[in-house]
Amino acid sequence: MTLLQRFLAGALFGLACATPAMADDTQDLAKELTNPVADLISVPFQGNWNHGIGPDGGDQYYVNVQPVIPIKLNEDWNLISRTILPIISQSDVAGESGNQWGLGNTQQSLFFSPSKPNHGVVWGVGPIAYLNTASDPLLGPEKWGAGPTGVALWMGGPWTVGILANQIWSFAGDSKEPDINQAYFQPFIAYTTKNGVTFNLNSESTYYWDTGEWSVPFNAQVSKLVHFDKQPISLFVAARYWATTPEDVGPTGWGVRAGMTFLFPEKK
């Protein structure tokens, strides 16, 4: 069993066995996690498995480490830092290419966002940087990129509905590799119950402008806010279906996601 498989199994076991959080603000805290630009420090560890990658149908396991750190600029504005650092283990993703393990490329987003919602509407805009941190060329293209990113959502009662998007263009890196020119769209809808269970449907779609192709996965996720001692943690598990991907690139079919998010709410 690989390290990532153990991580996924542990997350699933914790989701089934953890003691539910009893705090009065359980629903509010769980709902904050549905807001990508919430004024809340969180550190998700998101485990993923995908199959059918490349012409020989390779497998890929990876854990995204995704810290979210809000910075208070003044009474009216926050700066939200969102980082995605993948740790990857994969095999035969480019034909008979063997096994690779290590870091993928990092995405760093900054959102300037109003500190208070307006009639339940929350938004944020800013830059995104694509950083060449991959430890192997097969774990990420040797390119550096940047572009704009933004998010808009509405929060009403137990519901959250919104979309996060970005556009990345490469500007440096290995000239022998294709340039990056891609748009990312993540529409989402979430429902949070009073005891901290959240049901979330989303897509994490990418459009490749140079080839006119789409990569479109759909995710159905359930999460539960629990307390280990006094530490709030959200445990989650999801099923993924790849509706379309570029031919001979993949992934295809079904995938799995599971993990946990550590929350660090501001003490009142």
Protein backbone atom coordinates (compact mmCIF):
# COMPACT_ATOMS: atom_id res chain seq x y z
CA MET A 1 0.00 0.00 0.00
CA THR A 2 1.46 3.39 -0.99
CA LEU A 3 1.80 6.35 1.38
CA LEU A 4 -1.09 8.12 -0.35
CA GLN A 5 -3.32 5.03 -0.14
CA ARG A 6 -2.66 4.90 3.61
CA PHE A 7 -3.53 8.59 3.84
CA LEU A 8 -6.83 8.06 1.99
CA ALA A 9 -7.71 5.05 4.13
CA GLY A 10 -6.98 6.99 7.30
CA ALA A 11 -9.16 9.89 6.20
CA LEU A 12 -12.04 7.56 5.41
CA PHE A 13 -11.66 5.82 8.80
CA GLY A 14 -11.61 9.16 10.58
CA LEU A 15 -14.71 10.34 8.74
CA ALA A 16 -16.56 7.29 9.98
CA CYS A 17 -15.28 7.21 13.56
CA ALA A 18 -14.51 10.78 14.69
CA THR A 19 -16.53 12.37 17.49
CA PRO A 20 -18.87 15.10 16.18
CA ALA A 21 -18.12 18.68 17.16
CA MET A 22 -20.58 19.97 19.76
CA ALA A 23 -19.90 23.70 19.55
CA ASP A 24 -22.83 25.98 18.82
CA ASP A 25 -21.06 27.45 15.80
CA THR A 26 -20.52 24.08 14.09
CA GLN A 27 -22.67 24.95 11.07
CA ASP A 28 -21.16 28.43 10.70
CA LEU A 29 -17.60 27.12 10.84
CA ALA A 30 -18.34 24.30 8.39
CA LYS A 31 -20.03 26.77 6.06
CA GLU A 32 -17.00 29.06 6.08
CA LEU A 33 -15.07 26.27 4.38
CA THR A 34 -17.40 26.52 1.37
CA ASN A 35 -16.14 30.09 0.84
CA PRO A 36 -12.74 30.14 -0.94
CA VAL A 37 -12.00 33.64 0.42
CA ALA A 38 -13.28 33.21 3.98
CA ASP A 39 -11.52 35.11 6.78
CA LEU A 40 -10.33 31.79 8.23
CA ILE A 41 -6.93 30.10 8.33
CA SER A 42 -7.28 26.55 7.01
CA VAL A 43 -4.83 23.87 5.89
CA PRO A 44 -6.38 21.15 3.70
CA PHE A 45 -4.59 17.90 2.83
CA GLN A 46 -6.48 16.66 -0.22
CA GLY A 47 -5.69 13.13 -1.40
CA ASN A 48 -6.62 12.15 -4.97
CA TRP A 49 -6.48 9.06 -7.18
CA ASN A 50 -6.93 9.13 -10.97
CA HIS A 51 -6.71 6.36 -13.55
CA GLY A 52 -6.46 6.10 -17.34
CA ILE A 53 -3.71 8.69 -17.80
CA GLY A 54 -1.80 8.63 -21.09
CA PRO A 55 -1.93 6.05 -23.90
CA ASP A 56 -1.21 3.13 -21.52
CA GLY A 57 -3.78 4.11 -18.87
CA GLY A 58 -1.39 5.05 -16.06
CA ASP A 59 -2.28 5.75 -12.44
CA GLN A 60 -1.65 8.85 -10.39
CA TYR A 61 -1.92 9.44 -6.65
CA TYR A 62 -1.33 12.89 -5.22
CA VAL A 63 -1.89 14.95 -2.10
CA ASN A 64 -2.56 18.65 -2.54
CA VAL A 65 -1.35 20.71 0.42
CA GLN A 66 -3.53 23.83 0.20
CA PRO A 67 -3.01 26.39 2.99
CA VAL A 68 -5.39 29.36 2.99
CA ILE A 69 -4.17 32.40 4.94
CA PRO A 70 -6.21 35.62 5.24
CA ILE A 71 -4.38 38.90 5.84
CA LYS A 72 -6.35 41.85 7.17
CA LEU A 73 -5.41 44.96 5.17
CA ASN A 74 -7.86 47.33 6.89
CA GLU A 75 -11.43 47.36 8.18
CA ASP A 76 -12.87 46.92 4.68
CA TRP A 77 -10.45 44.66 2.80
CA ASN A 78 -8.69 41.32 3.22
CA LEU A 79 -5.92 39.71 1.19
CA ILE A 80 -6.46 35.95 0.92
CA SER A 81 -3.46 33.76 0.08
CA ARG A 82 -4.34 30.34 -1.42
CA THR A 83 -1.54 27.88 -2.25
CA ILE A 84 -1.76 24.50 -3.99
CA LEU A 85 1.36 22.32 -3.66
CA PRO A 86 0.94 18.77 -5.05
CA ILE A 87 2.94 15.78 -3.79
CA ILE A 88 2.65 13.12 -6.51
CA SER A 89 3.23 9.39 -7.00
CA GLN A 90 2.49 8.05 -10.48
CA SER A 91 3.24 5.24 -12.93
CA ASP A 92 3.18 4.99 -16.73
CA VAL A 93 1.40 8.31 -17.27
CA ALA A 94 3.33 8.94 -20.51
CA GLY A 95 3.29 5.46 -22.00
CA GLU A 96 5.81 3.05 -20.49
CA SER A 97 7.47 5.82 -18.50
CA GLY A 98 7.99 4.04 -15.19
CA ASN A 99 7.37 5.50 -11.75
CA GLN A 100 7.86 9.04 -10.49
CA TRP A 101 7.49 10.49 -7.02
CA GLY A 102 7.97 14.03 -5.77
CA LEU A 103 6.67 17.58 -5.97
CA GLY A 104 4.51 18.95 -8.77
CA ASN A 105 4.21 22.57 -9.85
CA THR A 106 2.80 25.06 -7.34
CA GLN A 107 -0.08 27.48 -7.89
CA GLN A 108 -0.14 30.60 -5.71
CA SER A 109 -3.24 32.82 -5.77
CA LEU A 110 -3.88 36.15 -4.02
CA PHE A 111 -7.43 37.50 -3.71
CA PHE A 112 -8.31 41.05 -2.68
CA SER A 113 -11.74 40.66 -1.09
CA PRO A 114 -14.15 42.89 0.88
CA SER A 115 -14.15 41.89 4.55
CA LYS A 116 -17.97 41.89 4.77
CA PRO A 117 -20.49 40.27 2.39
CA ASN A 118 -23.03 42.48 0.63
CA HIS A 119 -26.48 40.84 0.80
CA GLY A 120 -24.75 37.46 1.00
CA VAL A 121 -22.53 38.14 -2.02
CA VAL A 122 -18.79 37.54 -1.60
CA TRP A 123 -16.12 38.16 -4.23
CA GLY A 124 -12.39 38.45 -4.67
CA VAL A 125 -9.93 39.18 -7.49
CA GLY A 126 -6.18 39.11 -7.88
CA PRO A 127 -3.20 37.40 -9.53
CA ILE A 128 -2.23 33.75 -9.80
CA ALA A 129 1.35 32.50 -10.25
CA TYR A 130 2.30 29.13 -11.72
CA LEU A 131 5.66 28.12 -10.20
CA ASN A 132 8.04 25.53 -11.64
CA THR A 133 8.62 23.49 -8.48
CA ALA A 134 8.26 20.00 -10.03
CA SER A 135 11.03 17.62 -9.03
CA ASP A 136 10.71 15.64 -12.29
CA PRO A 137 9.66 16.79 -15.80
CA LEU A 138 6.87 14.17 -15.80
CA LEU A 139 5.45 15.63 -12.57
CA GLY A 140 4.83 19.04 -14.14
CA PRO A 141 5.85 21.09 -17.18
CA GLU A 142 9.07 23.07 -16.84
CA LYS A 143 7.25 26.36 -17.26
CA TRP A 144 6.61 29.52 -15.27
CA GLY A 145 3.27 31.27 -15.68
CA ALA A 146 0.92 33.91 -14.34
CA GLY A 147 -2.49 35.45 -14.92
CA PRO A 148 -5.65 36.76 -13.25
CA THR A 149 -7.96 34.90 -10.91
CA GLY A 150 -11.32 35.65 -9.34
CA VAL A 151 -14.14 34.20 -7.30
CA ALA A 152 -17.79 35.20 -6.78
CA LEU A 153 -20.36 33.46 -4.61
CA TRP A 154 -23.64 33.87 -2.74
CA MET A 155 -24.24 32.54 0.76
CA GLY A 156 -27.81 32.27 2.03
CA GLY A 157 -29.03 30.05 4.85
CA PRO A 158 -27.37 26.63 4.49
CA TRP A 159 -26.56 27.22 0.80
CA THR A 160 -23.41 28.41 -0.95
CA VAL A 161 -23.35 28.87 -4.75
CA GLY A 162 -20.47 30.31 -6.73
CA ILE A 163 -17.62 30.01 -9.19
CA LEU A 164 -13.83 30.33 -9.01
CA ALA A 165 -11.86 30.92 -12.21
CA ASN A 166 -8.37 31.75 -13.45
CA GLN A 167 -6.35 32.13 -16.63
CA ILE A 168 -2.68 31.14 -16.84
CA TRP A 169 -0.18 32.04 -19.57
CA SER A 170 3.40 30.77 -19.45
CA PHE A 171 6.14 33.37 -19.87
CA ALA A 172 9.37 31.45 -19.15
CA GLY A 173 10.80 27.96 -18.88
CA ASP A 174 11.91 25.20 -21.20
CA SER A 175 11.37 26.47 -24.77
CA LYS A 176 11.08 22.87 -26.03
CA GLU A 177 7.87 22.35 -24.07
CA PRO A 178 4.48 23.67 -25.28
CA ASP A 179 3.42 27.03 -23.87
CA ILE A 180 0.68 27.10 -21.24
CA ASN A 181 -2.48 28.96 -22.23
CA GLN A 182 -5.36 27.59 -20.19
CA ALA A 183 -8.50 28.75 -18.40
CA TYR A 184 -9.83 27.09 -15.25
CA PHE A 185 -13.46 27.12 -14.10
CA GLN A 186 -14.76 25.74 -10.79
CA PRO A 187 -18.52 26.23 -10.38
CA PHE A 188 -19.80 24.85 -7.07
CA ILE A 189 -22.91 24.43 -4.96
CA ALA A 190 -22.86 23.36 -1.31
CA TYR A 191 -25.41 22.65 1.42
CA THR A 192 -24.36 22.63 5.09
CA THR A 193 -26.47 21.05 7.83
CA LYS A 194 -26.75 22.23 11.45
CA ASN A 195 -24.46 19.44 12.69
CA GLY A 196 -21.62 20.38 10.32
CA VAL A 197 -22.17 18.00 7.40
CA THR A 198 -21.63 19.63 3.99
CA PHE A 199 -22.71 18.20 0.63
CA ASN A 200 -20.79 19.74 -2.26
CA LEU A 201 -21.08 19.37 -6.04
CA ASN A 202 -18.49 21.02 -8.28
CA SER A 203 -16.55 20.79 -11.49
CA GLU A 204 -12.85 21.64 -11.88
CA SER A 205 -12.73 22.21 -15.62
CA THR A 206 -9.79 23.37 -17.71
CA TYR A 207 -9.95 24.72 -21.28
CA TYR A 208 -6.77 24.56 -23.38
CA TRP A 209 -6.95 27.48 -25.80
CA ASP A 210 -4.20 26.30 -28.16
CA THR A 211 -5.83 22.91 -28.84
CA GLY A 212 -9.49 23.77 -28.22
CA GLU A 213 -9.86 20.83 -25.81
CA TRP A 214 -11.51 20.48 -22.40
CA SER A 215 -10.72 18.54 -19.25
CA VAL A 216 -13.98 18.24 -17.27
CA PRO A 217 -14.25 16.28 -14.00
CA PHE A 218 -17.34 16.36 -11.77
CA ASN A 219 -16.94 15.89 -8.02
CA ALA A 220 -19.59 14.87 -5.46
CA GLN A 221 -18.23 15.40 -1.95
CA VAL A 222 -19.45 15.02 1.62
CA SER A 223 -17.56 16.47 4.58
CA LYS A 224 -18.05 16.51 8.35
CA LEU A 225 -16.73 19.01 10.87
CA VAL A 226 -15.39 17.28 13.99
CA HIS A 227 -13.24 18.16 16.98
CA PHE A 228 -10.15 16.23 18.04
CA ASP A 229 -9.72 17.62 21.55
CA LYS A 230 -10.14 21.35 20.82
CA GLN A 231 -8.86 21.25 17.22
CA PRO A 232 -11.62 21.61 14.59
CA ILE A 233 -11.04 19.42 11.55
CA SER A 234 -13.16 18.84 8.48
CA LEU A 235 -12.96 15.29 7.09
CA PHE A 236 -14.10 14.72 3.52
CA VAL A 237 -14.52 12.06 0.87
CA ALA A 238 -15.61 12.46 -2.76
CA ALA A 239 -16.25 10.54 -5.95
CA ARG A 240 -15.03 12.03 -9.24
CA TYR A 241 -16.11 11.31 -12.81
CA TRP A 242 -14.13 12.56 -15.80
CA ALA A 243 -16.70 13.56 -18.44
CA THR A 244 -14.07 14.49 -21.04
CA THR A 245 -10.29 14.89 -21.31
CA PRO A 246 -7.85 15.41 -24.20
CA GLU A 247 -7.38 12.19 -26.17
CA ASP A 248 -4.50 9.95 -24.97
CA VAL A 249 -3.89 12.30 -22.05
CA GLY A 250 -6.61 11.44 -19.54
CA PRO A 251 -7.52 10.75 -16.82
CA THR A 252 -10.66 8.78 -17.71
CA GLY A 253 -13.55 7.18 -15.87
CA TRP A 254 -13.84 7.41 -12.10
CA GLY A 255 -11.52 8.81 -9.45
CA VAL A 256 -11.52 9.24 -5.68
CA ARG A 257 -10.76 12.13 -3.33
CA ALA A 258 -10.43 12.06 0.47
CA GLY A 259 -8.63 14.02 3.12
CA MET A 260 -8.85 16.47 5.98
CA THR A 261 -8.75 20.22 6.60
CA PHE A 262 -7.32 21.73 9.79
CA LEU A 263 -9.14 24.91 10.81
CA PHE A 264 -7.72 27.74 12.90
CA PRO A 265 -10.61 30.12 13.65
CA GLU A 266 -9.86 33.44 15.28
CA LYS A 267 -10.37 33.25 19.02
CA LYS A 268 -13.17 35.47 20.31
